[in-house]
C-alpha atoms as a PDB file:
ATOM      1  CA  UNK A   1      51.260  41.343 -19.751  1.00  0.00           C
ATOM      2  CA  UNK A   2      48.994  39.752 -22.357  1.00  0.00           C
ATOM      3  CA  UNK A   3      46.738  37.019 -21.041  1.00  0.00           C
ATOM      4  CA  UNK A   4      46.935  33.615 -22.683  1.00  0.00           C
ATOM      5  CA  UNK A   5      43.796  32.061 -24.198  1.00  0.00           C
ATOM      6  CA  UNK A   6      43.622  29.735 -21.207  1.00  0.00           C
ATOM      7  CA  UNK A   7      43.754  32.637 -18.811  1.00  0.00           C
ATOM      8  CA  UNK A   8      40.922  34.371 -20.642  1.00  0.00           C
ATOM      9  CA  UNK A   9      38.884  31.193 -20.354  1.00  0.00           C
ATOM     10  CA  UNK A  10      39.520  31.175 -16.623  1.00  0.00           C
ATOM     11  CA  UNK A  11      38.252  34.771 -16.443  1.00  0.00           C
ATOM     12  CA  UNK A  12      35.024  33.709 -18.148  1.00  0.00           C
ATOM     13  CA  UNK A  13      34.519  30.849 -15.693  1.00  0.00           C
ATOM     14  CA  UNK A  14      34.956  33.287 -12.821  1.00  0.00           C
ATOM     15  CA  UNK A  15      31.982  35.226 -14.135  1.00  0.00           C
ATOM     16  CA  UNK A  16      31.418  38.744 -12.860  1.00  0.00           C
ATOM     17  CA  UNK A  17      33.023  38.387  -9.444  1.00  0.00           C
ATOM     18  CA  UNK A  18      34.633  41.685  -8.389  1.00  0.00           C
ATOM     19  CA  UNK A  19      33.414  43.445 -11.543  1.00  0.00           C
ATOM     20  CA  UNK A  20      31.213  46.550 -11.724  1.00  0.00           C
ATOM     21  CA  UNK A  21      28.254  46.745 -14.101  1.00  0.00           C
ATOM     22  CA  UNK A  22      26.357  49.950 -14.872  1.00  0.00           C
ATOM     23  CA  UNK A  23      22.713  49.236 -15.706  1.00  0.00           C
ATOM     24  CA  UNK A  24      20.871  52.159 -17.285  1.00  0.00           C
ATOM     25  CA  UNK A  25      17.218  51.231 -17.014  1.00  0.00           C
ATOM     26  CA  UNK A  26      18.042  49.100 -13.976  1.00  0.00           C
ATOM     27  CA  UNK A  27      15.010  49.891 -11.840  1.00  0.00           C
ATOM     28  CA  UNK A  28      12.543  47.490 -13.505  1.00  0.00           C
ATOM     29  CA  UNK A  29      12.085  44.668 -15.995  1.00  0.00           C
ATOM     30  CA  UNK A  30      15.079  43.299 -17.881  1.00  0.00           C
ATOM     31  CA  UNK A  31      17.505  45.824 -16.418  1.00  0.00           C
ATOM     32  CA  UNK A  32      16.526  45.033 -12.834  1.00  0.00           C
ATOM     33  CA  UNK A  33      16.727  41.287 -13.424  1.00  0.00           C
ATOM     34  CA  UNK A  34      20.160  41.682 -15.028  1.00  0.00           C
ATOM     35  CA  UNK A  35      21.336  43.641 -11.996  1.00  0.00           C
ATOM     36  CA  UNK A  36      20.055  40.848  -9.758  1.00  0.00           C
ATOM     37  CA  UNK A  37      21.995  38.241 -11.716  1.00  0.00           C
ATOM     38  CA  UNK A  38      25.141  40.371 -11.644  1.00  0.00           C
ATOM     39  CA  UNK A  39      24.883  40.617  -7.854  1.00  0.00           C
ATOM     40  CA  UNK A  40      24.224  36.881  -7.560  1.00  0.00           C
ATOM     41  CA  UNK A  41      27.364  36.286  -9.640  1.00  0.00           C
ATOM     42  CA  UNK A  42      29.474  38.318  -7.228  1.00  0.00           C
ATOM     43  CA  UNK A  43      29.533  41.616  -9.134  1.00  0.00           C
ATOM     44  CA  UNK A  44      28.710  45.158  -8.092  1.00  0.00           C
ATOM     45  CA  UNK A  45      26.139  47.351  -9.840  1.00  0.00           C
ATOM     46  CA  UNK A  46      25.517  51.022 -10.497  1.00  0.00           C
ATOM     47  CA  UNK A  47      21.830  51.633 -11.215  1.00  0.00           C
ATOM     48  CA  UNK A  48      20.231  54.376 -13.274  1.00  0.00           C
ATOM     49  CA  UNK A  49      16.585  54.891 -14.123  1.00  0.00           C
ATOM     50  CA  UNK A  50      14.009  57.565 -14.857  1.00  0.00           C
ATOM     51  CA  UNK A  51      11.619  56.840 -11.976  1.00  0.00           C
ATOM     52  CA  UNK A  52      13.101  57.824  -8.584  1.00  0.00           C
ATOM     53  CA  UNK A  53      10.677  55.657  -6.599  1.00  0.00           C
ATOM     54  CA  UNK A  54      11.361  52.501  -8.620  1.00  0.00           C
ATOM     55  CA  UNK A  55      15.070  53.235  -8.460  1.00  0.00           C
ATOM     56  CA  UNK A  56      14.935  53.582  -4.683  1.00  0.00           C
ATOM     57  CA  UNK A  57      13.151  50.224  -4.346  1.00  0.00           C
ATOM     58  CA  UNK A  58      15.737  48.546  -6.574  1.00  0.00           C
ATOM     59  CA  UNK A  59      18.559  50.135  -4.591  1.00  0.00           C
ATOM     60  CA  UNK A  60      17.146  48.849  -1.289  1.00  0.00           C
ATOM     61  CA  UNK A  61      17.104  45.332  -2.737  1.00  0.00           C
ATOM     62  CA  UNK A  62      20.471  45.303  -4.506  1.00  0.00           C
ATOM     63  CA  UNK A  63      22.641  47.698  -2.481  1.00  0.00           C
ATOM     64  CA  UNK A  64      24.373  49.224  -5.518  1.00  0.00           C
ATOM     65  CA  UNK A  65      27.626  51.134  -5.262  1.00  0.00           C
ATOM     66  CA  UNK A  66      25.801  54.049  -6.883  1.00  0.00           C
ATOM     67  CA  UNK A  67      22.375  55.081  -8.186  1.00  0.00           C
ATOM     68  CA  UNK A  68      21.124  58.026 -10.233  1.00  0.00           C
ATOM     69  CA  UNK A  69      17.649  59.017 -11.440  1.00  0.00           C
ATOM     70  CA  UNK A  70      17.645  60.647 -14.883  1.00  0.00           C
ATOM     71  CA  UNK A  71      16.432  60.210 -18.457  1.00  0.00           C
ATOM     72  CA  UNK A  72      19.187  58.656 -20.574  1.00  0.00           C
ATOM     73  CA  UNK A  73      17.946  60.516 -23.645  1.00  0.00           C
ATOM     74  CA  UNK A  74      18.985  63.759 -21.901  1.00  0.00           C
ATOM     75  CA  UNK A  75      22.514  64.066 -23.275  1.00  0.00           C
ATOM     76  CA  UNK A  76      23.670  66.516 -20.628  1.00  0.00           C
ATOM     77  CA  UNK A  77      22.504  64.340 -17.741  1.00  0.00           C
ATOM     78  CA  UNK A  78      23.980  61.252 -19.405  1.00  0.00           C
ATOM     79  CA  UNK A  79      27.364  62.934 -19.748  1.00  0.00           C
ATOM     80  CA  UNK A  80      27.275  64.082 -16.128  1.00  0.00           C
ATOM     81  CA  UNK A  81      26.365  60.590 -14.955  1.00  0.00           C
ATOM     82  CA  UNK A  82      29.456  59.065 -16.527  1.00  0.00           C
ATOM     83  CA  UNK A  83      31.658  61.898 -15.339  1.00  0.00           C
ATOM     84  CA  UNK A  84      30.458  61.292 -11.770  1.00  0.00           C
ATOM     85  CA  UNK A  85      31.362  57.594 -11.773  1.00  0.00           C
ATOM     86  CA  UNK A  86      34.158  57.280  -9.197  1.00  0.00           C
ATOM     87  CA  UNK A  87      36.349  54.996 -11.279  1.00  0.00           C
ATOM     88  CA  UNK A  88      36.500  52.613 -14.223  1.00  0.00           C
ATOM     89  CA  UNK A  89      33.706  50.082 -14.699  1.00  0.00           C
ATOM     90  CA  UNK A  90      33.681  46.742 -16.468  1.00  0.00           C
ATOM     91  CA  UNK A  91      30.362  46.766 -18.322  1.00  0.00           C
ATOM     92  CA  UNK A  92      27.494  49.081 -19.240  1.00  0.00           C
ATOM     93  CA  UNK A  93      24.040  47.781 -20.153  1.00  0.00           C
ATOM     94  CA  UNK A  94      21.302  50.045 -21.519  1.00  0.00           C
ATOM     95  CA  UNK A  95      17.633  49.022 -21.390  1.00  0.00           C
ATOM     96  CA  UNK A  96      14.434  50.992 -20.942  1.00  0.00           C
ATOM     97  CA  UNK A  97      11.884  52.487 -23.250  1.00  0.00           C
ATOM     98  CA  UNK A  98       9.384  50.624 -25.360  1.00  0.00           C
ATOM     99  CA  UNK A  99       8.681  50.446 -29.101  1.00  0.00           C
ATOM    100  CA  UNK A 100       6.725  53.194 -30.843  1.00  0.00           C
ATOM    101  CA  UNK A 101       3.650  52.016 -32.735  1.00  0.00           C
ATOM    102  CA  UNK A 102       2.057  54.840 -34.757  1.00  0.00           C
ATOM    103  CA  UNK A 103       0.110  54.364 -38.025  1.00  0.00           C
ATOM    104  CA  UNK A 104       1.097  56.819 -40.720  1.00  0.00           C
ATOM    105  CA  UNK A 105      -2.396  58.330 -40.768  1.00  0.00           C
ATOM    106  CA  UNK A 106      -2.029  59.265 -37.087  1.00  0.00           C
ATOM    107  CA  UNK A 107       1.648  60.203 -37.123  1.00  0.00           C
ATOM    108  CA  UNK A 108       3.005  63.528 -35.953  1.00  0.00           C
ATOM    109  CA  UNK A 109       6.090  63.950 -38.114  1.00  0.00           C
ATOM    110  CA  UNK A 110       8.001  66.077 -35.623  1.00  0.00           C
ATOM    111  CA  UNK A 111       7.337  63.571 -32.822  1.00  0.00           C
ATOM    112  CA  UNK A 112       8.365  60.642 -35.037  1.00  0.00           C
ATOM    113  CA  UNK A 113      11.614  62.356 -36.043  1.00  0.00           C
ATOM    114  CA  UNK A 114      12.289  63.198 -32.408  1.00  0.00           C
ATOM    115  CA  UNK A 115      11.719  59.597 -31.327  1.00  0.00           C
ATOM    116  CA  UNK A 116      14.012  58.201 -34.024  1.00  0.00           C
ATOM    117  CA  UNK A 117      16.729  60.739 -33.334  1.00  0.00           C
ATOM    118  CA  UNK A 118      16.583  60.406 -29.543  1.00  0.00           C
ATOM    119  CA  UNK A 119      16.945  56.631 -29.631  1.00  0.00           C
ATOM    120  CA  UNK A 120      19.969  56.648 -31.910  1.00  0.00           C
ATOM    121  CA  UNK A 121      21.465  59.633 -30.113  1.00  0.00           C
ATOM    122  CA  UNK A 122      21.178  57.817 -26.788  1.00  0.00           C
ATOM    123  CA  UNK A 123      23.189  54.885 -28.138  1.00  0.00           C
ATOM    124  CA  UNK A 124      25.828  57.205 -29.535  1.00  0.00           C
ATOM    125  CA  UNK A 125      25.781  59.234 -26.325  1.00  0.00           C
ATOM    126  CA  UNK A 126      26.467  56.204 -24.138  1.00  0.00           C
ATOM    127  CA  UNK A 127      29.367  55.254 -26.402  1.00  0.00           C
ATOM    128  CA  UNK A 128      30.840  58.758 -26.360  1.00  0.00           C
ATOM    129  CA  UNK A 129      30.382  59.394 -22.647  1.00  0.00           C
ATOM    130  CA  UNK A 130      31.701  55.996 -21.539  1.00  0.00           C
ATOM    131  CA  UNK A 131      34.922  55.980 -23.579  1.00  0.00           C
ATOM    132  CA  UNK A 132      37.151  56.805 -20.623  1.00  0.00           C
ATOM    133  CA  UNK A 133      35.136  54.810 -18.086  1.00  0.00           C
ATOM    134  CA  UNK A 134      34.875  51.260 -19.440  1.00  0.00           C
ATOM    135  CA  UNK A 135      37.985  49.129 -19.117  1.00  0.00           C
ATOM    136  CA  UNK A 136      39.581  47.520 -22.191  1.00  0.00           C
ATOM    137  CA  UNK A 137      37.807  44.239 -22.868  1.00  0.00           C
ATOM    138  CA  UNK A 138      34.691  45.440 -21.070  1.00  0.00           C
ATOM    139  CA  UNK A 139      31.287  45.678 -22.658  1.00  0.00           C
ATOM    140  CA  UNK A 140      28.673  48.102 -23.904  1.00  0.00           C
ATOM    141  CA  UNK A 141      25.413  46.188 -24.245  1.00  0.00           C
ATOM    142  CA  UNK A 142      22.228  47.616 -25.749  1.00  0.00           C
ATOM    143  CA  UNK A 143      18.658  46.335 -26.068  1.00  0.00           C
ATOM    144  CA  UNK A 144      16.687  46.167 -29.286  1.00  0.00           C
ATOM    145  CA  UNK A 145      13.851  44.045 -30.617  1.00  0.00           C
ATOM    146  CA  UNK A 146      12.819  41.547 -33.271  1.00  0.00           C
ATOM    147  CA  UNK A 147       9.098  42.310 -33.489  1.00  0.00           C
ATOM    148  CA  UNK A 148       9.402  45.103 -36.067  1.00  0.00           C
ATOM    149  CA  UNK A 149      11.477  43.132 -38.572  1.00  0.00           C
ATOM    150  CA  UNK A 150       8.284  42.240 -40.435  1.00  0.00           C
ATOM    151  CA  UNK A 151       6.530  45.198 -42.069  1.00  0.00           C
ATOM    152  CA  UNK A 152       3.212  46.155 -40.550  1.00  0.00           C
ATOM    153  CA  UNK A 153       0.815  49.031 -40.084  1.00  0.00           C
ATOM    154  CA  UNK A 154       2.127  51.324 -37.359  1.00  0.00           C
ATOM    155  CA  UNK A 155       5.663  49.926 -37.459  1.00  0.00           C
ATOM    156  CA  UNK A 156       7.407  52.520 -39.656  1.00  0.00           C
ATOM    157  CA  UNK A 157       9.425  54.136 -36.852  1.00  0.00           C
ATOM    158  CA  UNK A 158      10.030  50.901 -34.943  1.00  0.00           C
ATOM    159  CA  UNK A 159      11.112  49.066 -38.118  1.00  0.00           C
ATOM    160  CA  UNK A 160      13.556  51.819 -39.066  1.00  0.00           C
ATOM    161  CA  UNK A 161      15.142  51.707 -35.613  1.00  0.00           C
ATOM    162  CA  UNK A 162      15.237  47.904 -35.703  1.00  0.00           C
ATOM    163  CA  UNK A 163      17.098  47.987 -39.027  1.00  0.00           C
ATOM    164  CA  UNK A 164      19.477  50.779 -38.025  1.00  0.00           C
ATOM    165  CA  UNK A 165      20.556  49.459 -34.649  1.00  0.00           C
ATOM    166  CA  UNK A 166      22.640  46.426 -35.734  1.00  0.00           C
ATOM    167  CA  UNK A 167      24.588  48.574 -38.215  1.00  0.00           C
ATOM    168  CA  UNK A 168      25.259  51.172 -35.534  1.00  0.00           C
ATOM    169  CA  UNK A 169      26.384  48.510 -33.043  1.00  0.00           C
ATOM    170  CA  UNK A 170      28.775  46.922 -35.563  1.00  0.00           C
ATOM    171  CA  UNK A 171      30.396  50.267 -36.299  1.00  0.00           C
ATOM    172  CA  UNK A 172      30.687  51.142 -32.616  1.00  0.00           C
ATOM    173  CA  UNK A 173      32.398  47.807 -31.989  1.00  0.00           C
ATOM    174  CA  UNK A 174      35.186  48.871 -34.355  1.00  0.00           C
ATOM    175  CA  UNK A 175      35.485  52.395 -32.991  1.00  0.00           C
ATOM    176  CA  UNK A 176      35.243  51.441 -29.305  1.00  0.00           C
ATOM    177  CA  UNK A 177      37.683  48.506 -29.499  1.00  0.00           C
ATOM    178  CA  UNK A 178      39.017  46.924 -27.362  1.00  0.00           C
ATOM    179  CA  UNK A 179      35.774  47.647 -25.498  1.00  0.00           C
ATOM    180  CA  UNK A 180      33.198  45.229 -26.893  1.00  0.00           C
ATOM    181  CA  UNK A 181      29.780  46.400 -28.148  1.00  0.00           C
ATOM    182  CA  UNK A 182      26.795  44.096 -28.650  1.00  0.00           C
ATOM    183  CA  UNK A 183      23.029  44.238 -29.122  1.00  0.00           C
ATOM    184  CA  UNK A 184      20.350  41.979 -27.647  1.00  0.00           C
ATOM    185  CA  UNK A 185      17.226  41.811 -29.819  1.00  0.00           C
ATOM    186  CA  UNK A 186      14.281  40.461 -27.858  1.00  0.00           C
ATOM    187  CA  UNK A 187      10.814  39.428 -28.937  1.00  0.00           C
ATOM    188  CA  UNK A 188       7.938  39.529 -26.470  1.00  0.00           C
ATOM    189  CA  UNK A 189       9.288  39.508 -22.910  1.00  0.00           C
ATOM    190  CA  UNK A 190       6.887  39.228 -19.977  1.00  0.00           C
ATOM    191  CA  UNK A 191       7.756  42.487 -18.203  1.00  0.00           C
ATOM    192  CA  UNK A 192       5.804  45.330 -16.600  1.00  0.00           C
ATOM    193  CA  UNK A 193       6.384  47.304 -19.815  1.00  0.00           C
ATOM    194  CA  UNK A 194       4.652  44.576 -21.846  1.00  0.00           C
ATOM    195  CA  UNK A 195       1.811  44.597 -19.347  1.00  0.00           C
ATOM    196  CA  UNK A 196       1.386  48.359 -19.703  1.00  0.00           C
ATOM    197  CA  UNK A 197       1.370  48.140 -23.513  1.00  0.00           C
ATOM    198  CA  UNK A 198      -1.109  45.250 -23.740  1.00  0.00           C
ATOM    199  CA  UNK A 199      -3.416  46.044 -20.817  1.00  0.00           C
ATOM    200  CA  UNK A 200      -6.267  43.552 -20.608  1.00  0.00           C
ATOM    201  CA  UNK A 201      -4.918  41.674 -23.660  1.00  0.00           C
ATOM    202  CA  UNK A 202      -1.823  40.523 -21.756  1.00  0.00           C
ATOM    203  CA  UNK A 203      -3.029  37.097 -20.657  1.00  0.00           C
ATOM    204  CA  UNK A 204      -4.395  36.294 -24.116  1.00  0.00           C
ATOM    205  CA  UNK A 205      -0.983  37.140 -25.588  1.00  0.00           C
ATOM    206  CA  UNK A 206       0.745  34.900 -23.058  1.00  0.00           C
ATOM    207  CA  UNK A 207      -1.568  31.999 -23.899  1.00  0.00           C
ATOM    208  CA  UNK A 208      -1.039  32.533 -27.630  1.00  0.00           C
ATOM    209  CA  UNK A 209       2.741  32.432 -27.229  1.00  0.00           C
ATOM    210  CA  UNK A 210       2.665  29.351 -24.977  1.00  0.00           C
ATOM    211  CA  UNK A 211       0.691  27.550 -27.663  1.00  0.00           C
ATOM    212  CA  UNK A 212       2.691  28.658 -30.698  1.00  0.00           C
ATOM    213  CA  UNK A 213       6.312  29.327 -29.721  1.00  0.00           C
ATOM    214  CA  UNK A 214       8.713  26.429 -30.378  1.00  0.00           C
ATOM    215  CA  UNK A 215       9.871  26.641 -26.743  1.00  0.00           C
ATOM    216  CA  UNK A 216       6.214  26.350 -25.545  1.00  0.00           C
ATOM    217  CA  UNK A 217       6.624  29.048 -22.911  1.00  0.00           C
ATOM    218  CA  UNK A 218       6.888  32.813 -22.644  1.00  0.00           C
ATOM    219  CA  UNK A 219      10.313  34.476 -22.546  1.00  0.00           C
ATOM    220  CA  UNK A 220      10.885  36.271 -19.234  1.00  0.00           C
ATOM    221  CA  UNK A 221      13.331  38.885 -17.955  1.00  0.00           C
ATOM    222  CA  UNK A 222      15.549  36.191 -16.417  1.00  0.00           C
ATOM    223  CA  UNK A 223      16.108  34.647 -19.866  1.00  0.00           C
ATOM    224  CA  UNK A 224      17.302  37.941 -21.319  1.00  0.00           C
ATOM    225  CA  UNK A 225      19.383  38.740 -18.243  1.00  0.00           C
ATOM    226  CA  UNK A 226      21.174  35.398 -18.520  1.00  0.00           C
ATOM    227  CA  UNK A 227      22.112  36.230 -22.112  1.00  0.00           C
ATOM    228  CA  UNK A 228      23.309  39.677 -21.031  1.00  0.00           C
ATOM    229  CA  UNK A 229      25.577  38.194 -18.356  1.00  0.00           C
ATOM    230  CA  UNK A 230      26.982  35.711 -20.877  1.00  0.00           C
ATOM    231  CA  UNK A 231      27.807  38.519 -23.320  1.00  0.00           C
ATOM    232  CA  UNK A 232      29.600  40.391 -20.553  1.00  0.00           C
ATOM    233  CA  UNK A 233      31.658  37.354 -19.564  1.00  0.00           C
ATOM    234  CA  UNK A 234      32.573  35.980 -22.999  1.00  0.00           C
ATOM    235  CA  UNK A 235      35.341  38.232 -24.284  1.00  0.00           C
ATOM    236  CA  UNK A 236      35.239  36.763 -27.814  1.00  0.00           C
ATOM    237  CA  UNK A 237      31.917  38.440 -28.632  1.00  0.00           C
ATOM    238  CA  UNK A 238      31.609  41.895 -30.167  1.00  0.00           C
ATOM    239  CA  UNK A 239      29.811  43.770 -32.929  1.00  0.00           C
ATOM    240  CA  UNK A 240      26.892  41.370 -33.177  1.00  0.00           C
ATOM    241  CA  UNK A 241      23.142  41.174 -32.585  1.00  0.00           C
ATOM    242  CA  UNK A 242      21.839  38.291 -30.478  1.00  0.00           C
ATOM    243  CA  UNK A 243      18.169  37.345 -30.887  1.00  0.00           C
ATOM    244  CA  UNK A 244      16.191  35.992 -27.964  1.00  0.00           C
ATOM    245  CA  UNK A 245      12.522  35.465 -28.768  1.00  0.00           C
ATOM    246  CA  UNK A 246      11.787  31.781 -28.159  1.00  0.00           C
ATOM    247  CA  UNK A 247      11.483  31.219 -31.906  1.00  0.00           C
ATOM    248  CA  UNK A 248       8.851  33.921 -32.388  1.00  0.00           C
ATOM    249  CA  UNK A 249      10.312  34.874 -35.784  1.00  0.00           C
ATOM    250  CA  UNK A 250       9.888  31.308 -37.011  1.00  0.00           C
ATOM    251  CA  UNK A 251       6.094  31.269 -36.784  1.00  0.00           C
ATOM    252  CA  UNK A 252       3.596  32.959 -39.080  1.00  0.00           C
ATOM    253  CA  UNK A 253       2.313  36.348 -37.899  1.00  0.00           C
END
């Protein structure tokens, strides 16, 4: 039976209660915070991450219905992960991995090609491997960024991926329908990954953003997770890229 528009609205108000969300990259940062919000909203989670220790800590906190430690860029392991899921799921979110900043003068061409190919292949791999696992009307949700939209030294690989990802997501939305496919493009987010990239420059970056961003604060994992949950719940959204950067793109570099 086809649901009426009013019934679909009621589903959105019910949130993620009794739904299952797979979070690949769910052991830290944005993925972990999204899993927390899913659980708080009444949903169940399946967690995946590369670091077994971080994954175990997240599992103790969230009590997922399943957890698996593997690298999502390993196509064979990714395929096995989806095959091992006991039944259909409602949503899949993919986070993890940071941007690659390499000036051309220091670039290893083979490594750069590998990085570009692995990132796009992972997105395609999740789409291919999840086709029989995500329910109609469910969601595939990927993470991207806004920081490499402006040209800059060291941004060649990151900029190419930033430009390619929205086109890939739009095409997947057509081919995966009625499963919905969307992309979240974040600016600076105050996560452990950001801390590892910036080192002792982290606090200075926070202060700079607090002073210059239109929202006058730093974007955190909870902000991105709230957007992710909204995209899962709102069944009118597919094939699009949703920026969340506190207005970072609006200010001069």
